[in-house]
Structure formats: C-alpha cells, structure tokens
Amino acid sequence: MSSQRSGMSFAAGLMIALGLAAAGWFAAQGMQRLRTADRYVTVKGLAERYVDADLVVWPLKHSVAGNDLAQVQAELDANAAKIRQFLLDTGFSAEEIALSSPRVNDQEAYSYGDNRPRNRFRAESTVTVRSTKVAAALAGMQRAGELLSDGVLLTFDYGPEGSPSFQYTALNDIKPALIAEATANARAAAEQFAQDSGAKVGGIRHASQGQIDISDRDQSSPQVKKIRVVTTVEYFLVD
C-alpha cells in the first residue's frame, strides 16, 4: 500500500512538473510574441509616373450678335458648320463631333430707359469634339486662329467646362505596377530604419493604399499627366 501511494505521488509530481514546464514555455512564447507585436515601424512608399493623356474633350464655343433673330440664327448655324468642317479637316470623324442646342438672349429684356444695347439678340452654341486623337487636338488648337480669320467669333468660359480637358483612362493597366513600386519603396525605408536601430524587418503588420492622384504635369502641358500613389505600411521589427 505504501509503495502504491509513493508511485501515485511520483506521478502527480511529474505531471505538475510537466505542467509548470509547459506553462513556462507557453509564457515565454507569449512574451516573445508580445515583444514582437509591440515593435513595429510605420513607413510610407511613394511612386510617380508621367503618362500621356489618351482622351481629349475640346469645346469650341462661338457667338453671334444682331438685331434680326432669323439672321442671327443663320449666322450661328453657318459658324457651327465652319467649325465642324475645321474639325473634320483636322482629322476627327463626324461621330466624334457634337453640336449643342443654341442659346439666344434678348438683351433688351434686361435694359432700362435709354440704355438699349447695340445688338438686341445674342446667340451662342458649342461644338464639342470628344476623341482619343490627342495629337490631332493639339495640332488643331494651334490652328484655331484660322476660324477667327474665317469670321467665327470663338468665346472662352473660365472653368473646366469652357476649356479643353485631357484625361488618362488606362489607370487600371498601370495601377498594379505603381502599387508594387510604392510598396517596395516603403520596405526600403523600413529596412533603413531597422538598420539604424539595430533590428531587422519582419512581416507586414498592416498596410493601406492611399488615394491615387492624377494631375497635370504643369499648366503648359495638361496633356501630360502625373500619376502619384502613396502606400502606408507597418512592418514588425525583430532582433
């Protein structure tokens, strides 16, 4: 009986010892993970690329003034036909050219007393070309003075609706490469930080992609776009 109790005590002691050893191991591993999770660095990676616009929207607004409404309308139609032919000669197709409805103002309706305008009616319309032929549009803009010589009064409206718009529509084609480049630059920054602090870069703790920005390279060349992407990445630091 005594030997049986002694064996049971030994077994219980052995189990307690193993339990304490296992608890110590798990505790050590937990502390290691805690130290690893508590040490990380947050860095940003930048990637930029210049691309040529692949879509242009070019509005050509024109106006006519006069006192005879029928004559004003006839001149407006004639000028629209001249602009349309100019665009066709520049290299655009008929399907790429759209004509807006005319807008006519009776300026006498806003006059009082003897303050009557010289021309009672003022009519305006816009011929717009939407095309992927960006080079043809640029060439046409340089020759727009030919329309003035032909008697077409082109008007200009401030704001995005009154000036040519150049766009880049193939962002999805270059987006993966830009993100990869930005992420690589972020890791390079993390490795430099780790080297300076005597550590090494581990896995990614968290990553987020910032907004992709598309802007003109400069005011003089809106047909060239600058695409910019910034990623923010958190890396674990390990010994």
C-alpha atoms as a PDB file:
ATOM      1  CA  MET A   1       0.000   0.000   0.000  1.00  0.00           C
ATOM      2  CA  SER A   2       2.839   2.354   0.879  1.00  0.00           C
ATOM      3  CA  SER A   3       4.583   1.676  -2.431  1.00  0.00           C
ATOM      4  CA  GLN A   4       1.329   2.354  -4.320  1.00  0.00           C
ATOM      5  CA  ARG A   5       0.928   5.736  -2.628  1.00  0.00           C
ATOM      6  CA  SER A   6       4.560   6.544  -3.350  1.00  0.00           C
ATOM      7  CA  GLY A   7       4.035   5.768  -7.055  1.00  0.00           C
ATOM      8  CA  MET A   8       0.934   7.951  -7.203  1.00  0.00           C
ATOM      9  CA  SER A   9       2.770  10.825  -5.536  1.00  0.00           C
ATOM     10  CA  PHE A  10       5.623  10.490  -8.012  1.00  0.00           C
ATOM     11  CA  ALA A  11       3.208  10.504 -10.971  1.00  0.00           C
ATOM     12  CA  ALA A  12       1.360  13.523  -9.612  1.00  0.00           C
ATOM     13  CA  GLY A  13       4.603  15.346  -9.043  1.00  0.00           C
ATOM     14  CA  LEU A  14       5.766  14.508 -12.521  1.00  0.00           C
ATOM     15  CA  MET A  15       2.520  15.827 -14.028  1.00  0.00           C
ATOM     16  CA  ILE A  16       2.785  19.035 -12.018  1.00  0.00           C
ATOM     17  CA  ALA A  17       6.387  19.484 -13.127  1.00  0.00           C
ATOM     18  CA  LEU A  18       5.462  18.905 -16.758  1.00  0.00           C
ATOM     19  CA  GLY A  19       2.556  21.305 -16.413  1.00  0.00           C
ATOM     20  CA  LEU A  20       4.778  24.001 -14.978  1.00  0.00           C
ATOM     21  CA  ALA A  21       7.347  23.439 -17.706  1.00  0.00           C
ATOM     22  CA  ALA A  22       4.691  23.675 -20.404  1.00  0.00           C
ATOM     23  CA  ALA A  23       3.225  26.776 -18.804  1.00  0.00           C
ATOM     24  CA  GLY A  24       6.665  28.335 -18.705  1.00  0.00           C
ATOM     25  CA  TRP A  25       7.255  27.522 -22.387  1.00  0.00           C
ATOM     26  CA  PHE A  26       3.905  28.971 -23.461  1.00  0.00           C
ATOM     27  CA  ALA A  27       4.514  32.013 -21.322  1.00  0.00           C
ATOM     28  CA  ALA A  28       7.920  32.518 -22.921  1.00  0.00           C
ATOM     29  CA  GLN A  29       6.404  32.188 -26.374  1.00  0.00           C
ATOM     30  CA  GLY A  30       3.650  34.619 -25.454  1.00  0.00           C
ATOM     31  CA  MET A  31       6.170  37.158 -24.187  1.00  0.00           C
ATOM     32  CA  GLN A  32       8.166  36.741 -27.391  1.00  0.00           C
ATOM     33  CA  ARG A  33       5.070  37.397 -29.489  1.00  0.00           C
ATOM     34  CA  LEU A  34       4.192  40.327 -27.270  1.00  0.00           C
ATOM     35  CA  ARG A  35       7.627  41.865 -27.733  1.00  0.00           C
ATOM     36  CA  THR A  36       7.417  41.249 -31.491  1.00  0.00           C
ATOM     37  CA  ALA A  37       3.911  42.681 -31.776  1.00  0.00           C
ATOM     38  CA  ASP A  38       4.921  45.720 -29.741  1.00  0.00           C
ATOM     39  CA  ARG A  39       7.829  46.595 -32.021  1.00  0.00           C
ATOM     40  CA  TYR A  40       6.909  47.886 -35.447  1.00  0.00           C
ATOM     41  CA  VAL A  41       7.633  50.787 -37.730  1.00  0.00           C
ATOM     42  CA  THR A  42       5.232  52.752 -39.939  1.00  0.00           C
ATOM     43  CA  VAL A  43       6.600  53.952 -43.270  1.00  0.00           C
ATOM     44  CA  LYS A  44       5.222  55.446 -46.470  1.00  0.00           C
ATOM     45  CA  GLY A  45       6.162  54.490 -50.012  1.00  0.00           C
ATOM     46  CA  LEU A  46       5.762  56.819 -52.981  1.00  0.00           C
ATOM     47  CA  ALA A  47       5.574  56.013 -56.685  1.00  0.00           C
ATOM     48  CA  GLU A  48       5.093  58.507 -59.526  1.00  0.00           C
ATOM     49  CA  ARG A  49       4.760  58.137 -63.254  1.00  0.00           C
ATOM     50  CA  TYR A  50       4.222  60.514 -66.170  1.00  0.00           C
ATOM     51  CA  VAL A  51       1.853  59.400 -68.916  1.00  0.00           C
ATOM     52  CA  ASP A  52       0.297  60.955 -72.000  1.00  0.00           C
ATOM     53  CA  ALA A  53      -3.437  61.639 -71.939  1.00  0.00           C
ATOM     54  CA  ASP A  54      -5.447  59.264 -74.133  1.00  0.00           C
ATOM     55  CA  LEU A  55      -8.731  61.217 -74.290  1.00  0.00           C
ATOM     56  CA  VAL A  56      -9.491  64.845 -75.106  1.00  0.00           C
ATOM     57  CA  VAL A  57     -12.732  66.805 -74.792  1.00  0.00           C
ATOM     58  CA  TRP A  58     -12.442  70.075 -76.679  1.00  0.00           C
ATOM     59  CA  PRO A  59     -15.383  72.514 -76.594  1.00  0.00           C
ATOM     60  CA  LEU A  60     -15.403  75.343 -79.160  1.00  0.00           C
ATOM     61  CA  LYS A  61     -17.954  77.915 -78.086  1.00  0.00           C
ATOM     62  CA  HIS A  62     -18.961  80.597 -80.568  1.00  0.00           C
ATOM     63  CA  SER A  63     -21.410  83.501 -80.523  1.00  0.00           C
ATOM     64  CA  VAL A  64     -23.223  85.886 -82.885  1.00  0.00           C
ATOM     65  CA  ALA A  65     -24.970  89.200 -82.143  1.00  0.00           C
ATOM     66  CA  GLY A  66     -27.505  91.166 -84.156  1.00  0.00           C
ATOM     67  CA  ASN A  67     -30.951  92.744 -84.259  1.00  0.00           C
ATOM     68  CA  ASP A  68     -32.633  90.308 -86.636  1.00  0.00           C
ATOM     69  CA  LEU A  69     -33.299  86.981 -84.930  1.00  0.00           C
ATOM     70  CA  ALA A  70     -33.513  84.991 -88.147  1.00  0.00           C
ATOM     71  CA  GLN A  71     -30.210  86.414 -89.382  1.00  0.00           C
ATOM     72  CA  VAL A  72     -28.535  85.736 -86.038  1.00  0.00           C
ATOM     73  CA  GLN A  73     -29.692  82.121 -86.178  1.00  0.00           C
ATOM     74  CA  ALA A  74     -28.488  81.750 -89.760  1.00  0.00           C
ATOM     75  CA  GLU A  75     -25.029  83.125 -88.891  1.00  0.00           C
ATOM     76  CA  LEU A  76     -24.815  80.866 -85.860  1.00  0.00           C
ATOM     77  CA  ASP A  77     -25.612  77.818 -88.000  1.00  0.00           C
ATOM     78  CA  ALA A  78     -23.068  78.908 -90.604  1.00  0.00           C
ATOM     79  CA  ASN A  79     -20.333  79.295 -87.979  1.00  0.00           C
ATOM     80  CA  ALA A  80     -21.145  75.893 -86.493  1.00  0.00           C
ATOM     81  CA  ALA A  81     -20.763  74.378 -89.962  1.00  0.00           C
ATOM     82  CA  LYS A  82     -17.381  76.085 -90.359  1.00  0.00           C
ATOM     83  CA  ILE A  83     -16.181  74.744 -87.018  1.00  0.00           C
ATOM     84  CA  ARG A  84     -17.402  71.275 -87.857  1.00  0.00           C
ATOM     85  CA  GLN A  85     -15.574  71.323 -91.194  1.00  0.00           C
ATOM     86  CA  PHE A  86     -12.446  72.612 -89.480  1.00  0.00           C
ATOM     87  CA  LEU A  87     -12.544  69.662 -87.102  1.00  0.00           C
ATOM     88  CA  LEU A  88     -13.120  67.207 -89.926  1.00  0.00           C
ATOM     89  CA  ASP A  89     -10.139  68.662 -91.791  1.00  0.00           C
ATOM     90  CA  THR A  90      -8.074  68.332 -88.609  1.00  0.00           C
ATOM     91  CA  GLY A  91      -8.645  64.585 -88.623  1.00  0.00           C
ATOM     92  CA  PHE A  92     -11.684  63.949 -86.459  1.00  0.00           C
ATOM     93  CA  SER A  93     -14.629  61.857 -87.576  1.00  0.00           C
ATOM     94  CA  ALA A  94     -18.225  63.030 -87.677  1.00  0.00           C
ATOM     95  CA  GLU A  95     -19.066  60.657 -84.812  1.00  0.00           C
ATOM     96  CA  GLU A  96     -16.558  62.463 -82.573  1.00  0.00           C
ATOM     97  CA  ILE A  97     -18.190  65.888 -83.100  1.00  0.00           C
ATOM     98  CA  ALA A  98     -21.314  67.057 -81.254  1.00  0.00           C
ATOM     99  CA  LEU A  99     -23.274  70.300 -81.578  1.00  0.00           C
ATOM    100  CA  SER A 100     -25.157  71.777 -78.621  1.00  0.00           C
ATOM    101  CA  SER A 101     -28.529  73.494 -78.863  1.00  0.00           C
ATOM    102  CA  PRO A 102     -28.282  77.242 -79.496  1.00  0.00           C
ATOM    103  CA  ARG A 103     -28.879  79.666 -76.660  1.00  0.00           C
ATOM    104  CA  VAL A 104     -30.399  83.039 -77.538  1.00  0.00           C
ATOM    105  CA  ASN A 105     -30.617  86.053 -75.223  1.00  0.00           C
ATOM    106  CA  ASP A 106     -32.849  89.051 -75.823  1.00  0.00           C
ATOM    107  CA  GLN A 107     -30.635  91.714 -74.306  1.00  0.00           C
ATOM    108  CA  GLU A 108     -33.356  94.369 -74.475  1.00  0.00           C
ATOM    109  CA  ALA A 109     -35.210  92.435 -71.801  1.00  0.00           C
ATOM    110  CA  TYR A 110     -32.503  93.496 -69.342  1.00  0.00           C
ATOM    111  CA  SER A 111     -32.239  97.146 -70.428  1.00  0.00           C
ATOM    112  CA  TYR A 112     -33.992 100.156 -68.923  1.00  0.00           C
ATOM    113  CA  GLY A 113     -34.872 103.544 -70.330  1.00  0.00           C
ATOM    114  CA  ASP A 114     -32.449 104.766 -72.980  1.00  0.00           C
ATOM    115  CA  ASN A 115     -29.817 102.192 -72.047  1.00  0.00           C
ATOM    116  CA  ARG A 116     -30.574  99.982 -75.028  1.00  0.00           C
ATOM    117  CA  PRO A 117     -27.914  97.561 -76.307  1.00  0.00           C
ATOM    118  CA  ARG A 118     -26.435  97.968 -79.761  1.00  0.00           C
ATOM    119  CA  ASN A 119     -27.473  94.418 -80.663  1.00  0.00           C
ATOM    120  CA  ARG A 120     -30.738  93.131 -79.321  1.00  0.00           C
ATOM    121  CA  PHE A 121     -30.026  89.410 -79.763  1.00  0.00           C
ATOM    122  CA  ARG A 122     -27.007  87.408 -78.793  1.00  0.00           C
ATOM    123  CA  ALA A 123     -26.845  83.730 -79.647  1.00  0.00           C
ATOM    124  CA  GLU A 124     -24.221  81.163 -78.741  1.00  0.00           C
ATOM    125  CA  SER A 125     -23.594  77.493 -79.305  1.00  0.00           C
ATOM    126  CA  THR A 126     -20.818  74.970 -78.662  1.00  0.00           C
ATOM    127  CA  VAL A 127     -19.260  72.438 -80.972  1.00  0.00           C
ATOM    128  CA  THR A 128     -17.514  69.762 -78.923  1.00  0.00           C
ATOM    129  CA  VAL A 129     -15.111  67.091 -80.062  1.00  0.00           C
ATOM    130  CA  ARG A 130     -14.511  64.041 -77.859  1.00  0.00           C
ATOM    131  CA  SER A 131     -11.748  61.835 -79.176  1.00  0.00           C
ATOM    132  CA  THR A 132      -8.733  59.701 -78.418  1.00  0.00           C
ATOM    133  CA  LYS A 133      -6.794  61.639 -81.082  1.00  0.00           C
ATOM    134  CA  VAL A 134      -4.953  63.840 -78.627  1.00  0.00           C
ATOM    135  CA  ALA A 135      -2.185  64.785 -81.050  1.00  0.00           C
ATOM    136  CA  ALA A 136      -4.741  65.936 -83.629  1.00  0.00           C
ATOM    137  CA  ALA A 137      -6.472  68.071 -80.999  1.00  0.00           C
ATOM    138  CA  LEU A 138      -3.195  69.730 -80.016  1.00  0.00           C
ATOM    139  CA  ALA A 139      -2.456  70.498 -83.656  1.00  0.00           C
ATOM    140  CA  GLY A 140      -5.966  71.864 -84.137  1.00  0.00           C
ATOM    141  CA  MET A 141      -5.673  74.159 -81.120  1.00  0.00           C
ATOM    142  CA  GLN A 142      -2.593  75.741 -82.648  1.00  0.00           C
ATOM    143  CA  ARG A 143      -4.570  76.396 -85.836  1.00  0.00           C
ATOM    144  CA  ALA A 144      -7.736  77.708 -84.165  1.00  0.00           C
ATOM    145  CA  GLY A 145      -6.871  81.207 -85.377  1.00  0.00           C
ATOM    146  CA  GLU A 146      -7.978  80.102 -88.842  1.00  0.00           C
ATOM    147  CA  LEU A 147     -11.560  80.116 -87.582  1.00  0.00           C
ATOM    148  CA  LEU A 148     -11.216  83.722 -86.452  1.00  0.00           C
ATOM    149  CA  SER A 149      -9.906  84.637 -89.884  1.00  0.00           C
ATOM    150  CA  ASP A 150     -12.986  82.955 -91.335  1.00  0.00           C
ATOM    151  CA  GLY A 151     -15.286  85.189 -89.307  1.00  0.00           C
ATOM    152  CA  VAL A 152     -16.050  82.801 -86.447  1.00  0.00           C
ATOM    153  CA  LEU A 153     -16.041  84.530 -83.068  1.00  0.00           C
ATOM    154  CA  LEU A 154     -14.816  81.972 -80.543  1.00  0.00           C
ATOM    155  CA  THR A 155     -15.575  82.774 -76.923  1.00  0.00           C
ATOM    156  CA  PHE A 156     -13.942  81.457 -73.784  1.00  0.00           C
ATOM    157  CA  ASP A 157     -15.573  80.496 -70.492  1.00  0.00           C
ATOM    158  CA  TYR A 158     -13.480  80.258 -67.365  1.00  0.00           C
ATOM    159  CA  GLY A 159     -13.742  76.961 -65.584  1.00  0.00           C
ATOM    160  CA  PRO A 160     -13.445  73.289 -66.587  1.00  0.00           C
ATOM    161  CA  GLU A 161     -16.435  73.369 -68.950  1.00  0.00           C
ATOM    162  CA  GLY A 162     -15.010  76.101 -71.119  1.00  0.00           C
ATOM    163  CA  SER A 163     -11.526  74.769 -71.802  1.00  0.00           C
ATOM    164  CA  PRO A 164     -10.072  71.583 -73.315  1.00  0.00           C
ATOM    165  CA  SER A 165      -9.951  68.632 -70.965  1.00  0.00           C
ATOM    166  CA  PHE A 166      -7.267  65.953 -71.239  1.00  0.00           C
ATOM    167  CA  GLN A 167      -7.816  62.660 -69.458  1.00  0.00           C
ATOM    168  CA  TYR A 168      -5.995  59.386 -68.874  1.00  0.00           C
ATOM    169  CA  THR A 169      -8.323  56.383 -68.899  1.00  0.00           C
ATOM    170  CA  ALA A 170      -5.899  53.427 -68.631  1.00  0.00           C
ATOM    171  CA  LEU A 171      -5.152  53.739 -64.923  1.00  0.00           C
ATOM    172  CA  ASN A 172      -6.037  50.105 -64.203  1.00  0.00           C
ATOM    173  CA  ASP A 173      -3.308  48.995 -66.623  1.00  0.00           C
ATOM    174  CA  ILE A 174      -0.501  50.615 -64.618  1.00  0.00           C
ATOM    175  CA  LYS A 175      -2.036  50.599 -61.149  1.00  0.00           C
ATOM    176  CA  PRO A 176      -0.573  47.209 -60.010  1.00  0.00           C
ATOM    177  CA  ALA A 177       2.944  48.224 -61.018  1.00  0.00           C
ATOM    178  CA  LEU A 178       2.616  51.577 -59.251  1.00  0.00           C
ATOM    179  CA  ILE A 179       1.416  49.952 -56.028  1.00  0.00           C
ATOM    180  CA  ALA A 180       4.216  47.386 -56.186  1.00  0.00           C
ATOM    181  CA  GLU A 181       6.789  50.146 -56.647  1.00  0.00           C
ATOM    182  CA  ALA A 182       5.351  52.189 -53.779  1.00  0.00           C
ATOM    183  CA  THR A 183       5.345  49.129 -51.503  1.00  0.00           C
ATOM    184  CA  ALA A 184       8.961  48.314 -52.415  1.00  0.00           C
ATOM    185  CA  ASN A 185       9.963  51.878 -51.582  1.00  0.00           C
ATOM    186  CA  ALA A 186       8.163  51.587 -48.242  1.00  0.00           C
ATOM    187  CA  ARG A 187      10.074  48.401 -47.380  1.00  0.00           C
ATOM    188  CA  ALA A 188      13.371  50.061 -48.316  1.00  0.00           C
ATOM    189  CA  ALA A 189      12.566  52.859 -45.877  1.00  0.00           C
ATOM    190  CA  ALA A 190      11.676  50.306 -43.175  1.00  0.00           C
ATOM    191  CA  GLU A 191      14.939  48.418 -43.713  1.00  0.00           C
ATOM    192  CA  GLN A 192      16.911  51.629 -43.366  1.00  0.00           C
ATOM    193  CA  PHE A 193      15.107  52.429 -40.126  1.00  0.00           C
ATOM    194  CA  ALA A 194      15.660  48.903 -38.816  1.00  0.00           C
ATOM    195  CA  GLN A 195      19.346  49.027 -39.697  1.00  0.00           C
ATOM    196  CA  ASP A 196      19.764  52.309 -37.845  1.00  0.00           C
ATOM    197  CA  SER A 197      18.043  50.861 -34.760  1.00  0.00           C
ATOM    198  CA  GLY A 198      19.861  47.518 -34.781  1.00  0.00           C
ATOM    199  CA  ALA A 199      16.859  45.408 -35.756  1.00  0.00           C
ATOM    200  CA  LYS A 200      15.529  43.568 -38.785  1.00  0.00           C
ATOM    201  CA  VAL A 201      12.319  43.971 -40.757  1.00  0.00           C
ATOM    202  CA  GLY A 202       9.744  41.248 -40.188  1.00  0.00           C
ATOM    203  CA  GLY A 203       6.348  40.689 -41.764  1.00  0.00           C
ATOM    204  CA  ILE A 204       3.683  43.254 -42.554  1.00  0.00           C
ATOM    205  CA  ARG A 205       1.550  44.251 -39.573  1.00  0.00           C
ATOM    206  CA  HIS A 206      -0.836  46.481 -41.546  1.00  0.00           C
ATOM    207  CA  ALA A 207      -0.902  48.077 -44.971  1.00  0.00           C
ATOM    208  CA  SER A 208      -3.137  50.611 -46.669  1.00  0.00           C
ATOM    209  CA  GLN A 209      -3.142  52.205 -50.100  1.00  0.00           C
ATOM    210  CA  GLY A 210      -3.663  55.933 -50.222  1.00  0.00           C
ATOM    211  CA  GLN A 211      -5.680  57.726 -52.860  1.00  0.00           C
ATOM    212  CA  ILE A 212      -4.249  57.698 -56.358  1.00  0.00           C
ATOM    213  CA  ASP A 213      -3.828  61.245 -57.594  1.00  0.00           C
ATOM    214  CA  ILE A 214      -3.866  62.249 -61.270  1.00  0.00           C
ATOM    215  CA  SER A 215      -2.830  65.813 -62.071  1.00  0.00           C
ATOM    216  CA  ASP A 216      -1.366  67.852 -64.907  1.00  0.00           C
ATOM    217  CA  ARG A 217       2.394  67.849 -65.129  1.00  0.00           C
ATOM    218  CA  ASP A 218       2.229  71.652 -65.378  1.00  0.00           C
ATOM    219  CA  GLN A 219      -0.065  74.396 -66.670  1.00  0.00           C
ATOM    220  CA  SER A 220       1.636  74.493 -70.058  1.00  0.00           C
ATOM    221  CA  SER A 221       1.198  70.799 -70.854  1.00  0.00           C
ATOM    222  CA  PRO A 222      -2.125  69.483 -69.493  1.00  0.00           C
ATOM    223  CA  GLN A 223      -1.923  66.607 -71.982  1.00  0.00           C
ATOM    224  CA  VAL A 224       0.840  65.057 -69.825  1.00  0.00           C
ATOM    225  CA  LYS A 225      -0.425  63.593 -66.572  1.00  0.00           C
ATOM    226  CA  LYS A 226       1.411  62.875 -63.343  1.00  0.00           C
ATOM    227  CA  ILE A 227       0.082  59.834 -61.518  1.00  0.00           C
ATOM    228  CA  ARG A 228       1.021  59.580 -57.855  1.00  0.00           C
ATOM    229  CA  VAL A 229       0.290  56.810 -55.364  1.00  0.00           C
ATOM    230  CA  VAL A 230       1.297  56.584 -51.703  1.00  0.00           C
ATOM    231  CA  THR A 231       1.095  53.432 -49.600  1.00  0.00           C
ATOM    232  CA  THR A 232       1.364  53.257 -45.811  1.00  0.00           C
ATOM    233  CA  VAL A 233       2.812  50.031 -44.392  1.00  0.00           C
ATOM    234  CA  GLU A 234       3.545  48.874 -40.849  1.00  0.00           C
ATOM    235  CA  TYR A 235       6.341  46.302 -40.522  1.00  0.00           C
ATOM    236  CA  PHE A 236       7.231  44.226 -37.478  1.00  0.00           C
ATOM    237  CA  LEU A 237      10.758  44.706 -36.173  1.00  0.00           C
ATOM    238  CA  VAL A 238      12.617  41.616 -34.977  1.00  0.00           C
ATOM    239  CA  ASP A 239      16.023  41.055 -33.381  1.00  0.00           C
END
